[in-house]
Amino acid sequence: MVERKRIAKEETRVERQYYISSLQASAEKFSSLIRGHWSIENQLHWVLDATFHEDSSLIRKDHSPQNLSTLRKIALALLKKDSSRKASLRRKQNFAAWDNDFLASLFALE
């Protein structure tokens, strides 16, 4: 069990999360692993939202949200892999929209 205490303004909130694992580790090691996992998750979520505005997406029907999320992650991986120009992910996304040669280069096997 992990217990988190969050104090925001005048309100204190306590959350408990339960984990099932066969890992034999100290509380310090376990908390470090959990923090590392959520750090990666939060960073990925932030990048997806900043680059693709994932949080403001109105797609909610059937499997569409999961499918589009997968496509966004593929696009993010392709944009991150590109080293042909030094630019932000957002600018590379725009370059790919404007320049078919650049877009094709993202899919080229190396």
PDB file of N, CA and C in Angstrom:
ATOM      1  N   MET A   1       0.843  -1.166   0.000  1.00  0.00           N
ATOM      2  CA  MET A   1       0.000   0.000   0.000  1.00  0.00           C
ATOM      3  C   MET A   1       0.895   1.238   0.000  1.00  0.00           C
ATOM      4  N   VAL A   2       0.508   2.215  -0.813  1.00  0.00           N
ATOM      5  CA  VAL A   2       1.198   3.498  -0.834  1.00  0.00           C
ATOM      6  C   VAL A   2       0.187   4.550  -0.413  1.00  0.00           C
ATOM      7  N   GLU A   3       0.567   5.342   0.572  1.00  0.00           N
ATOM      8  CA  GLU A   3      -0.311   6.413   1.036  1.00  0.00           C
ATOM      9  C   GLU A   3       0.323   7.749   0.698  1.00  0.00           C
ATOM     10  N   ARG A   4      -0.462   8.597   0.032  1.00  0.00           N
ATOM     11  CA  ARG A   4       0.028   9.923  -0.346  1.00  0.00           C
ATOM     12  C   ARG A   4      -0.810  10.979   0.349  1.00  0.00           C
ATOM     13  N   LYS A   5      -0.139  11.966   0.878  1.00  0.00           N
ATOM     14  CA  LYS A   5      -0.847  13.086   1.484  1.00  0.00           C
ATOM     15  C   LYS A   5      -0.583  14.308   0.626  1.00  0.00           C
ATOM     16  N   ARG A   6      -1.656  14.962   0.207  1.00  0.00           N
ATOM     17  CA  ARG A   6      -1.544  16.142  -0.649  1.00  0.00           C
ATOM     18  C   ARG A   6      -2.219  17.312   0.052  1.00  0.00           C
ATOM     19  N   ILE A   7      -1.464  18.380   0.208  1.00  0.00           N
ATOM     20  CA  ILE A   7      -1.997  19.571   0.849  1.00  0.00           C
ATOM     21  C   ILE A   7      -2.068  20.672  -0.207  1.00  0.00           C
ATOM     22  N   ALA A   8      -3.284  21.097  -0.518  1.00  0.00           N
ATOM     23  CA  ALA A   8      -3.505  22.157  -1.501  1.00  0.00           C
ATOM     24  C   ALA A   8      -4.375  23.228  -0.853  1.00  0.00           C
ATOM     25  N   LYS A   9      -3.810  24.426  -0.756  1.00  0.00           N
ATOM     26  CA  LYS A   9      -4.483  25.543  -0.083  1.00  0.00           C
ATOM     27  C   LYS A   9      -4.833  25.130   1.337  1.00  0.00           C
ATOM     28  N   GLU A  10      -6.095  25.078   1.643  1.00  0.00           N
ATOM     29  CA  GLU A  10      -6.533  24.735   3.008  1.00  0.00           C
ATOM     30  C   GLU A  10      -6.982  23.275   3.125  1.00  0.00           C
ATOM     31  N   GLU A  11      -6.900  22.542   2.035  1.00  0.00           N
ATOM     32  CA  GLU A  11      -7.447  21.184   2.011  1.00  0.00           C
ATOM     33  C   GLU A  11      -6.336  20.141   2.017  1.00  0.00           C
ATOM     34  N   THR A  12      -6.501  19.133   2.861  1.00  0.00           N
ATOM     35  CA  THR A  12      -5.580  18.002   2.899  1.00  0.00           C
ATOM     36  C   THR A  12      -6.317  16.777   2.374  1.00  0.00           C
ATOM     37  N   ARG A  13      -5.685  16.092   1.431  1.00  0.00           N
ATOM     38  CA  ARG A  13      -6.292  14.909   0.837  1.00  0.00           C
ATOM     39  C   ARG A  13      -5.339  13.732   0.976  1.00  0.00           C
ATOM     40  N   VAL A  14      -5.842  12.607   1.385  1.00  0.00           N
ATOM     41  CA  VAL A  14      -5.046  11.394   1.521  1.00  0.00           C
ATOM     42  C   VAL A  14      -5.545  10.375   0.499  1.00  0.00           C
ATOM     43  N   GLU A  15      -4.615   9.832  -0.271  1.00  0.00           N
ATOM     44  CA  GLU A  15      -4.944   8.805  -1.257  1.00  0.00           C
ATOM     45  C   GLU A  15      -4.185   7.542  -0.904  1.00  0.00           C
ATOM     46  N   ARG A  16      -4.833   6.413  -1.101  1.00  0.00           N
ATOM     47  CA  ARG A  16      -4.169   5.122  -0.893  1.00  0.00           C
ATOM     48  C   ARG A  16      -4.258   4.324  -2.184  1.00  0.00           C
ATOM     49  N   GLN A  17      -3.126   3.756  -2.575  1.00  0.00           N
ATOM     50  CA  GLN A  17      -3.094   2.874  -3.733  1.00  0.00           C
ATOM     51  C   GLN A  17      -2.471   1.557  -3.292  1.00  0.00           C
ATOM     52  N   TYR A  18      -3.010   0.484  -3.820  1.00  0.00           N
ATOM     53  CA  TYR A  18      -2.534  -0.849  -3.468  1.00  0.00           C
ATOM     54  C   TYR A  18      -1.869  -1.482  -4.678  1.00  0.00           C
ATOM     55  N   TYR A  19      -0.747  -2.121  -4.449  1.00  0.00           N
ATOM     56  CA  TYR A  19       0.022  -2.764  -5.511  1.00  0.00           C
ATOM     57  C   TYR A  19       0.209  -4.233  -5.146  1.00  0.00           C
ATOM     58  N   ILE A  20       0.113  -5.077  -6.150  1.00  0.00           N
ATOM     59  CA  ILE A  20       0.373  -6.501  -5.977  1.00  0.00           C
ATOM     60  C   ILE A  20       1.659  -6.810  -6.725  1.00  0.00           C
ATOM     61  N   SER A  21       2.617  -7.388  -6.007  1.00  0.00           N
ATOM     62  CA  SER A  21       3.903  -7.667  -6.641  1.00  0.00           C
ATOM     63  C   SER A  21       4.588  -8.816  -5.918  1.00  0.00           C
ATOM     64  N   SER A  22       5.401  -9.526  -6.652  1.00  0.00           N
ATOM     65  CA  SER A  22       6.211 -10.583  -6.038  1.00  0.00           C
ATOM     66  C   SER A  22       7.601 -10.052  -5.675  1.00  0.00           C
ATOM     67  N   LEU A  23       7.839  -8.783  -5.935  1.00  0.00           N
ATOM     68  CA  LEU A  23       9.136  -8.171  -5.661  1.00  0.00           C
ATOM     69  C   LEU A  23       9.391  -8.101  -4.161  1.00  0.00           C
ATOM     70  N   GLN A  24      10.547  -8.575  -3.772  1.00  0.00           N
ATOM     71  CA  GLN A  24      10.967  -8.472  -2.378  1.00  0.00           C
ATOM     72  C   GLN A  24      11.899  -7.269  -2.275  1.00  0.00           C
ATOM     73  N   ALA A  25      11.371  -6.148  -1.789  1.00  0.00           N
ATOM     74  CA  ALA A  25      12.179  -4.927  -1.727  1.00  0.00           C
ATOM     75  C   ALA A  25      11.800  -4.129  -0.485  1.00  0.00           C
ATOM     76  N   SER A  26      12.714  -3.275  -0.077  1.00  0.00           N
ATOM     77  CA  SER A  26      12.437  -2.404   1.058  1.00  0.00           C
ATOM     78  C   SER A  26      11.410  -1.347   0.648  1.00  0.00           C
ATOM     79  N   ALA A  27      10.841  -0.680   1.639  1.00  0.00           N
ATOM     80  CA  ALA A  27       9.862   0.374   1.360  1.00  0.00           C
ATOM     81  C   ALA A  27      10.506   1.489   0.538  1.00  0.00           C
ATOM     82  N   GLU A  28      11.758   1.817   0.842  1.00  0.00           N
ATOM     83  CA  GLU A  28      12.453   2.881   0.111  1.00  0.00           C
ATOM     84  C   GLU A  28      12.636   2.504  -1.363  1.00  0.00           C
ATOM     85  N   LYS A  29      13.042   1.271  -1.628  1.00  0.00           N
ATOM     86  CA  LYS A  29      13.252   0.804  -2.999  1.00  0.00           C
ATOM     87  C   LYS A  29      11.933   0.770  -3.756  1.00  0.00           C
ATOM     88  N   PHE A  30      10.894   0.253  -3.100  1.00  0.00           N
ATOM     89  CA  PHE A  30       9.580   0.163  -3.721  1.00  0.00           C
ATOM     90  C   PHE A  30       9.037   1.550  -4.060  1.00  0.00           C
ATOM     91  N   SER A  31       9.172   2.497  -3.136  1.00  0.00           N
ATOM     92  CA  SER A  31       8.678   3.857  -3.401  1.00  0.00           C
ATOM     93  C   SER A  31       9.469   4.509  -4.532  1.00  0.00           C
ATOM     94  N   SER A  32      10.752   4.215  -4.611  1.00  0.00           N
ATOM     95  CA  SER A  32      11.576   4.748  -5.698  1.00  0.00           C
ATOM     96  C   SER A  32      11.102   4.201  -7.051  1.00  0.00           C
ATOM     97  N   LEU A  33      10.795   2.920  -7.104  1.00  0.00           N
ATOM     98  CA  LEU A  33      10.298   2.305  -8.343  1.00  0.00           C
ATOM     99  C   LEU A  33       8.955   2.902  -8.764  1.00  0.00           C
ATOM    100  N   ILE A  34       8.072   3.111  -7.805  1.00  0.00           N
ATOM    101  CA  ILE A  34       6.754   3.675  -8.105  1.00  0.00           C
ATOM    102  C   ILE A  34       6.897   5.113  -8.594  1.00  0.00           C
ATOM    103  N   ARG A  35       7.737   5.903  -7.917  1.00  0.00           N
ATOM    104  CA  ARG A  35       7.961   7.287  -8.353  1.00  0.00           C
ATOM    105  C   ARG A  35       8.546   7.323  -9.761  1.00  0.00           C
ATOM    106  N   GLY A  36       9.479   6.421 -10.043  1.00  0.00           N
ATOM    107  CA  GLY A  36      10.074   6.357 -11.368  1.00  0.00           C
ATOM    108  C   GLY A  36       9.050   6.026 -12.437  1.00  0.00           C
ATOM    109  N   HIS A  37       8.175   5.062 -12.130  1.00  0.00           N
ATOM    110  CA  HIS A  37       7.126   4.678 -13.075  1.00  0.00           C
ATOM    111  C   HIS A  37       6.205   5.852 -13.357  1.00  0.00           C
ATOM    112  N   TRP A  38       5.740   6.510 -12.312  1.00  0.00           N
ATOM    113  CA  TRP A  38       4.797   7.617 -12.519  1.00  0.00           C
ATOM    114  C   TRP A  38       5.480   8.826 -13.134  1.00  0.00           C
ATOM    115  N   SER A  39       6.751   8.997 -12.904  1.00  0.00           N
ATOM    116  CA  SER A  39       7.486  10.093 -13.538  1.00  0.00           C
ATOM    117  C   SER A  39       7.494   9.903 -15.048  1.00  0.00           C
ATOM    118  N   ILE A  40       7.768   8.675 -15.481  1.00  0.00           N
ATOM    119  CA  ILE A  40       7.760   8.367 -16.917  1.00  0.00           C
ATOM    120  C   ILE A  40       6.363   8.566 -17.491  1.00  0.00           C
ATOM    121  N   GLU A  41       5.343   8.069 -16.800  1.00  0.00           N
ATOM    122  CA  GLU A  41       3.965   8.210 -17.266  1.00  0.00           C
ATOM    123  C   GLU A  41       3.581   9.687 -17.391  1.00  0.00           C
ATOM    124  N   ASN A  42       3.911  10.475 -16.373  1.00  0.00           N
ATOM    125  CA  ASN A  42       3.554  11.895 -16.394  1.00  0.00           C
ATOM    126  C   ASN A  42       4.290  12.643 -17.488  1.00  0.00           C
ATOM    127  N   GLN A  43       5.555  12.328 -17.713  1.00  0.00           N
ATOM    128  CA  GLN A  43       6.315  12.993 -18.771  1.00  0.00           C
ATOM    129  C   GLN A  43       5.743  12.657 -20.143  1.00  0.00           C
ATOM    130  N   LEU A  44       5.406  11.393 -20.367  1.00  0.00           N
ATOM    131  CA  LEU A  44       4.825  10.995 -21.645  1.00  0.00           C
ATOM    132  C   LEU A  44       3.484  11.688 -21.848  1.00  0.00           C
ATOM    133  N   HIS A  45       2.662  11.708 -20.808  1.00  0.00           N
ATOM    134  CA  HIS A  45       1.355  12.351 -20.914  1.00  0.00           C
ATOM    135  C   HIS A  45       1.511  13.837 -21.231  1.00  0.00           C
ATOM    136  N   TRP A  46       2.458  14.491 -20.572  1.00  0.00           N
ATOM    137  CA  TRP A  46       2.664  15.920 -20.813  1.00  0.00           C
ATOM    138  C   TRP A  46       3.083  16.166 -22.256  1.00  0.00           C
ATOM    139  N   VAL A  47       4.010  15.369 -22.764  1.00  0.00           N
ATOM    140  CA  VAL A  47       4.482  15.547 -24.141  1.00  0.00           C
ATOM    141  C   VAL A  47       3.335  15.301 -25.125  1.00  0.00           C
ATOM    142  N   LEU A  48       2.552  14.263 -24.900  1.00  0.00           N
ATOM    143  CA  LEU A  48       1.421  13.990 -25.795  1.00  0.00           C
ATOM    144  C   LEU A  48       0.408  15.132 -25.759  1.00  0.00           C
ATOM    145  N   ASP A  49       0.173  15.682 -24.584  1.00  0.00           N
ATOM    146  CA  ASP A  49      -0.788  16.767 -24.492  1.00  0.00           C
ATOM    147  C   ASP A  49      -0.234  18.052 -25.102  1.00  0.00           C
ATOM    148  N   ALA A  50       1.032  18.355 -24.847  1.00  0.00           N
ATOM    149  CA  ALA A  50       1.624  19.580 -25.378  1.00  0.00           C
ATOM    150  C   ALA A  50       1.776  19.512 -26.897  1.00  0.00           C
ATOM    151  N   THR A  51       2.114  18.358 -27.435  1.00  0.00           N
ATOM    152  CA  THR A  51       2.351  18.214 -28.871  1.00  0.00           C
ATOM    153  C   THR A  51       1.067  17.957 -29.658  1.00  0.00           C
ATOM    154  N   PHE A  52       0.204  17.098 -29.123  1.00  0.00           N
ATOM    155  CA  PHE A  52      -0.984  16.679 -29.867  1.00  0.00           C
ATOM    156  C   PHE A  52      -2.304  17.140 -29.231  1.00  0.00           C
ATOM    157  N   HIS A  53      -2.243  17.905 -28.151  1.00  0.00           N
ATOM    158  CA  HIS A  53      -3.458  18.380 -27.444  1.00  0.00           C
ATOM    159  C   HIS A  53      -4.379  17.213 -27.091  1.00  0.00           C
ATOM    160  N   GLU A  54      -3.786  16.168 -26.557  1.00  0.00           N
ATOM    161  CA  GLU A  54      -4.538  14.950 -26.280  1.00  0.00           C
ATOM    162  C   GLU A  54      -5.669  15.181 -25.275  1.00  0.00           C
ATOM    163  N   ASP A  55      -5.459  16.027 -24.287  1.00  0.00           N
ATOM    164  CA  ASP A  55      -6.491  16.252 -23.275  1.00  0.00           C
ATOM    165  C   ASP A  55      -7.737  16.927 -23.834  1.00  0.00           C
ATOM    166  N   SER A  56      -7.584  17.700 -24.889  1.00  0.00           N
ATOM    167  CA  SER A  56      -8.747  18.410 -25.435  1.00  0.00           C
ATOM    168  C   SER A  56      -9.421  17.641 -26.577  1.00  0.00           C
ATOM    169  N   SER A  57      -8.988  16.423 -26.809  1.00  0.00           N
ATOM    170  CA  SER A  57      -9.594  15.611 -27.868  1.00  0.00           C
ATOM    171  C   SER A  57     -11.037  15.275 -27.497  1.00  0.00           C
ATOM    172  N   LEU A  58     -11.929  15.389 -28.458  1.00  0.00           N
ATOM    173  CA  LEU A  58     -13.342  15.079 -28.250  1.00  0.00           C
ATOM    174  C   LEU A  58     -13.713  13.677 -28.738  1.00  0.00           C
ATOM    175  N   ILE A  59     -12.717  12.907 -29.121  1.00  0.00           N
ATOM    176  CA  ILE A  59     -12.955  11.549 -29.636  1.00  0.00           C
ATOM    177  C   ILE A  59     -13.186  10.613 -28.453  1.00  0.00           C
ATOM    178  N   ARG A  60     -14.410  10.061 -28.394  1.00  0.00           N
ATOM    179  CA  ARG A  60     -14.768   9.251 -27.237  1.00  0.00           C
ATOM    180  C   ARG A  60     -15.553   7.976 -27.594  1.00  0.00           C
ATOM    181  N   LYS A  61     -15.814   7.751 -28.853  1.00  0.00           N
ATOM    182  CA  LYS A  61     -16.698   6.642 -29.251  1.00  0.00           C
ATOM    183  C   LYS A  61     -15.932   5.347 -29.483  1.00  0.00           C
ATOM    184  N   ASP A  62     -16.467   4.261 -28.938  1.00  0.00           N
ATOM    185  CA  ASP A  62     -15.951   2.902 -29.144  1.00  0.00           C
ATOM    186  C   ASP A  62     -14.451   2.823 -28.823  1.00  0.00           C
ATOM    187  N   HIS A  63     -13.680   2.264 -29.761  1.00  0.00           N
ATOM    188  CA  HIS A  63     -12.245   2.083 -29.541  1.00  0.00           C
ATOM    189  C   HIS A  63     -11.419   3.255 -30.069  1.00  0.00           C
ATOM    190  N   SER A  64     -12.090   4.277 -30.559  1.00  0.00           N
ATOM    191  CA  SER A  64     -11.381   5.400 -31.177  1.00  0.00           C
ATOM    192  C   SER A  64     -10.350   6.060 -30.268  1.00  0.00           C
ATOM    193  N   PRO A  65     -10.641   6.325 -28.982  1.00  0.00           N
ATOM    194  CA  PRO A  65      -9.627   6.967 -28.143  1.00  0.00           C
ATOM    195  C   PRO A  65      -8.345   6.140 -28.016  1.00  0.00           C
ATOM    196  N   GLN A  66      -8.466   4.826 -27.838  1.00  0.00           N
ATOM    197  CA  GLN A  66      -7.291   3.969 -27.724  1.00  0.00           C
ATOM    198  C   GLN A  66      -6.528   3.909 -29.041  1.00  0.00           C
ATOM    199  N   ASN A  67      -7.262   3.806 -30.143  1.00  0.00           N
ATOM    200  CA  ASN A  67      -6.616   3.735 -31.459  1.00  0.00           C
ATOM    201  C   ASN A  67      -5.850   5.021 -31.755  1.00  0.00           C
ATOM    202  N   LEU A  68      -6.473   6.159 -31.503  1.00  0.00           N
ATOM    203  CA  LEU A  68      -5.814   7.430 -31.773  1.00  0.00           C
ATOM    204  C   LEU A  68      -4.627   7.641 -30.830  1.00  0.00           C
ATOM    205  N   SER A  69      -4.750   7.190 -29.593  1.00  0.00           N
ATOM    206  CA  SER A  69      -3.637   7.284 -28.649  1.00  0.00           C
ATOM    207  C   SER A  69      -2.430   6.491 -29.147  1.00  0.00           C
ATOM    208  N   THR A  70      -2.689   5.318 -29.693  1.00  0.00           N
ATOM    209  CA  THR A  70      -1.612   4.492 -30.251  1.00  0.00           C
ATOM    210  C   THR A  70      -0.953   5.193 -31.435  1.00  0.00           C
ATOM    211  N   LEU A  71      -1.773   5.775 -32.309  1.00  0.00           N
ATOM    212  CA  LEU A  71      -1.223   6.506 -33.459  1.00  0.00           C
ATOM    213  C   LEU A  71      -0.398   7.716 -33.019  1.00  0.00           C
ATOM    214  N   ARG A  72      -0.861   8.421 -31.982  1.00  0.00           N
ATOM    215  CA  ARG A  72      -0.102   9.567 -31.463  1.00  0.00           C
ATOM    216  C   ARG A  72       1.250   9.126 -30.916  1.00  0.00           C
ATOM    217  N   LYS A  73       1.266   8.001 -30.221  1.00  0.00           N
ATOM    218  CA  LYS A  73       2.532   7.509 -29.657  1.00  0.00           C
ATOM    219  C   LYS A  73       3.496   7.085 -30.761  1.00  0.00           C
ATOM    220  N   ILE A  74       2.971   6.499 -31.831  1.00  0.00           N
ATOM    221  CA  ILE A  74       3.816   6.142 -32.984  1.00  0.00           C
ATOM    222  C   ILE A  74       4.376   7.414 -33.614  1.00  0.00           C
ATOM    223  N   ALA A  75       3.514   8.404 -33.814  1.00  0.00           N
ATOM    224  CA  ALA A  75       3.959   9.676 -34.400  1.00  0.00           C
ATOM    225  C   ALA A  75       5.005  10.342 -33.508  1.00  0.00           C
ATOM    226  N   LEU A  76       4.791  10.304 -32.206  1.00  0.00           N
ATOM    227  CA  LEU A  76       5.759  10.889 -31.267  1.00  0.00           C
ATOM    228  C   LEU A  76       7.107  10.176 -31.376  1.00  0.00           C
ATOM    229  N   ALA A  77       7.085   8.854 -31.455  1.00  0.00           N
ATOM    230  CA  ALA A  77       8.336   8.092 -31.579  1.00  0.00           C
ATOM    231  C   ALA A  77       9.058   8.444 -32.873  1.00  0.00           C
ATOM    232  N   LEU A  78       8.306   8.590 -33.972  1.00  0.00           N
ATOM    233  CA  LEU A  78       8.924   8.950 -35.256  1.00  0.00           C
ATOM    234  C   LEU A  78       9.524  10.354 -35.202  1.00  0.00           C
ATOM    235  N   LEU A  79       8.815  11.287 -34.592  1.00  0.00           N
ATOM    236  CA  LEU A  79       9.322  12.653 -34.482  1.00  0.00           C
ATOM    237  C   LEU A  79      10.570  12.718 -33.598  1.00  0.00           C
ATOM    238  N   LYS A  80      10.570  11.952 -32.500  1.00  0.00           N
ATOM    239  CA  LYS A  80      11.734  11.939 -31.599  1.00  0.00           C
ATOM    240  C   LYS A  80      12.946  11.284 -32.254  1.00  0.00           C
ATOM    241  N   LYS A  81      12.684  10.291 -33.099  1.00  0.00           N
ATOM    242  CA  LYS A  81      13.777   9.565 -33.760  1.00  0.00           C
ATOM    243  C   LYS A  81      14.511  10.437 -34.768  1.00  0.00           C
ATOM    244  N   ASP A  82      13.817  11.388 -35.359  1.00  0.00           N
ATOM    245  CA  ASP A  82      14.399  12.230 -36.401  1.00  0.00           C
ATOM    246  C   ASP A  82      15.512  13.111 -35.842  1.00  0.00           C
ATOM    247  N   SER A  83      16.658  13.068 -36.516  1.00  0.00           N
ATOM    248  CA  SER A  83      17.782  13.919 -36.122  1.00  0.00           C
ATOM    249  C   SER A  83      18.243  14.808 -37.276  1.00  0.00           C
ATOM    250  N   SER A  84      17.434  14.880 -38.339  1.00  0.00           N
ATOM    251  CA  SER A  84      17.837  15.646 -39.518  1.00  0.00           C
ATOM    252  C   SER A  84      17.763  17.150 -39.297  1.00  0.00           C
ATOM    253  N   ARG A  85      16.970  17.584 -38.351  1.00  0.00           N
ATOM    254  CA  ARG A  85      16.886  19.012 -38.049  1.00  0.00           C
ATOM    255  C   ARG A  85      16.675  19.214 -36.554  1.00  0.00           C
ATOM    256  N   LYS A  86      17.242  20.277 -36.070  1.00  0.00           N
ATOM    257  CA  LYS A  86      17.122  20.587 -34.650  1.00  0.00           C
ATOM    258  C   LYS A  86      15.895  21.482 -34.481  1.00  0.00           C
ATOM    259  N   ALA A  87      14.831  20.907 -33.960  1.00  0.00           N
ATOM    260  CA  ALA A  87      13.585  21.639 -33.779  1.00  0.00           C
ATOM    261  C   ALA A  87      12.762  20.946 -32.694  1.00  0.00           C
ATOM    262  N   SER A  88      11.811  21.671 -32.164  1.00  0.00           N
ATOM    263  CA  SER A  88      10.919  21.088 -31.163  1.00  0.00           C
ATOM    264  C   SER A  88      10.014  20.055 -31.832  1.00  0.00           C
ATOM    265  N   LEU A  89       9.394  19.232 -31.018  1.00  0.00           N
ATOM    266  CA  LEU A  89       8.475  18.226 -31.561  1.00  0.00           C
ATOM    267  C   LEU A  89       7.315  18.900 -32.286  1.00  0.00           C
ATOM    268  N   ARG A  90       6.835  20.001 -31.739  1.00  0.00           N
ATOM    269  CA  ARG A  90       5.740  20.735 -32.370  1.00  0.00           C
ATOM    270  C   ARG A  90       6.151  21.254 -33.755  1.00  0.00           C
ATOM    271  N   ARG A  91       7.350  21.799 -33.876  1.00  0.00           N
ATOM    272  CA  ARG A  91       7.828  22.301 -35.171  1.00  0.00           C
ATOM    273  C   ARG A  91       8.043  21.151 -36.152  1.00  0.00           C
ATOM    274  N   LYS A  92       8.588  20.034 -35.658  1.00  0.00           N
ATOM    275  CA  LYS A  92       8.759  18.882 -36.542  1.00  0.00           C
ATOM    276  C   LYS A  92       7.401  18.375 -37.032  1.00  0.00           C
ATOM    277  N   GLN A  93       6.403  18.427 -36.160  1.00  0.00           N
ATOM    278  CA  GLN A  93       5.057  18.028 -36.553  1.00  0.00           C
ATOM    279  C   GLN A  93       4.555  18.946 -37.674  1.00  0.00           C
ATOM    280  N   ASN A  94       4.797  20.233 -37.541  1.00  0.00           N
ATOM    281  CA  ASN A  94       4.401  21.175 -38.590  1.00  0.00           C
ATOM    282  C   ASN A  94       5.185  20.934 -39.878  1.00  0.00           C
ATOM    283  N   PHE A  95       6.491  20.692 -39.751  1.00  0.00           N
ATOM    284  CA  PHE A  95       7.291  20.395 -40.944  1.00  0.00           C
ATOM    285  C   PHE A  95       6.724  19.187 -41.681  1.00  0.00           C
ATOM    286  N   ALA A  96       6.339  18.164 -40.932  1.00  0.00           N
ATOM    287  CA  ALA A  96       5.797  16.951 -41.543  1.00  0.00           C
ATOM    288  C   ALA A  96       4.480  17.240 -42.263  1.00  0.00           C
ATOM    289  N   ALA A  97       3.695  18.169 -41.717  1.00  0.00           N
ATOM    290  CA  ALA A  97       2.428  18.536 -42.363  1.00  0.00           C
ATOM    291  C   ALA A  97       2.661  19.352 -43.634  1.00  0.00           C
ATOM    292  N   TRP A  98       3.721  20.139 -43.662  1.00  0.00           N
ATOM    293  CA  TRP A  98       3.970  21.049 -44.782  1.00  0.00           C
ATOM    294  C   TRP A  98       4.864  20.460 -45.861  1.00  0.00           C
ATOM    295  N   ASP A  99       5.700  19.497 -45.499  1.00  0.00           N
ATOM    296  CA  ASP A  99       6.725  19.017 -46.427  1.00  0.00           C
ATOM    297  C   ASP A  99       6.623  17.501 -46.569  1.00  0.00           C
ATOM    298  N   ASN A 100       6.115  17.042 -47.698  1.00  0.00           N
ATOM    299  CA  ASN A 100       5.933  15.602 -47.912  1.00  0.00           C
ATOM    300  C   ASN A 100       7.253  14.839 -47.899  1.00  0.00           C
ATOM    301  N   ASP A 101       8.342  15.470 -48.346  1.00  0.00           N
ATOM    302  CA  ASP A 101       9.648  14.802 -48.320  1.00  0.00           C
ATOM    303  C   ASP A 101      10.096  14.556 -46.873  1.00  0.00           C
ATOM    304  N   PHE A 102       9.896  15.556 -46.016  1.00  0.00           N
ATOM    305  CA  PHE A 102      10.245  15.375 -44.595  1.00  0.00           C
ATOM    306  C   PHE A 102       9.373  14.292 -43.976  1.00  0.00           C
ATOM    307  N   LEU A 103       8.090  14.316 -44.280  1.00  0.00           N
ATOM    308  CA  LEU A 103       7.168  13.294 -43.764  1.00  0.00           C
ATOM    309  C   LEU A 103       7.621  11.907 -44.189  1.00  0.00           C
ATOM    310  N   ALA A 104       7.983  11.751 -45.454  1.00  0.00           N
ATOM    311  CA  ALA A 104       8.448  10.445 -45.953  1.00  0.00           C
ATOM    312  C   ALA A 104       9.741  10.032 -45.273  1.00  0.00           C
ATOM    313  N   SER A 105      10.605  11.003 -44.967  1.00  0.00           N
ATOM    314  CA  SER A 105      11.881  10.678 -44.309  1.00  0.00           C
ATOM    315  C   SER A 105      11.662  10.136 -42.891  1.00  0.00           C
ATOM    316  N   LEU A 106      10.564  10.538 -42.264  1.00  0.00           N
ATOM    317  CA  LEU A 106      10.262  10.025 -40.911  1.00  0.00           C
ATOM    318  C   LEU A 106       9.996   8.526 -40.942  1.00  0.00           C
ATOM    319  N   PHE A 107       9.463   8.049 -42.058  1.00  0.00           N
ATOM    320  CA  PHE A 107       9.115   6.628 -42.191  1.00  0.00           C
ATOM    321  C   PHE A 107      10.221   5.792 -42.821  1.00  0.00           C
ATOM    322  N   ALA A 108      11.289   6.432 -43.255  1.00  0.00           N
ATOM    323  CA  ALA A 108      12.382   5.718 -43.910  1.00  0.00           C
ATOM    324  C   ALA A 108      13.088   4.811 -42.919  1.00  0.00           C
ATOM    325  N   LEU A 109      13.384   3.599 -43.341  1.00  0.00           N
ATOM    326  CA  LEU A 109      14.125   2.657 -42.495  1.00  0.00           C
ATOM    327  C   LEU A 109      15.609   2.967 -42.585  1.00  0.00           C
ATOM    328  N   GLU A 110      16.243   2.953 -41.442  1.00  0.00           N
ATOM    329  CA  GLU A 110      17.688   3.227 -41.421  1.00  0.00           C
ATOM    330  C   GLU A 110      18.453   2.022 -40.971  1.00  0.00           C
TER     331      GLU A 110
END
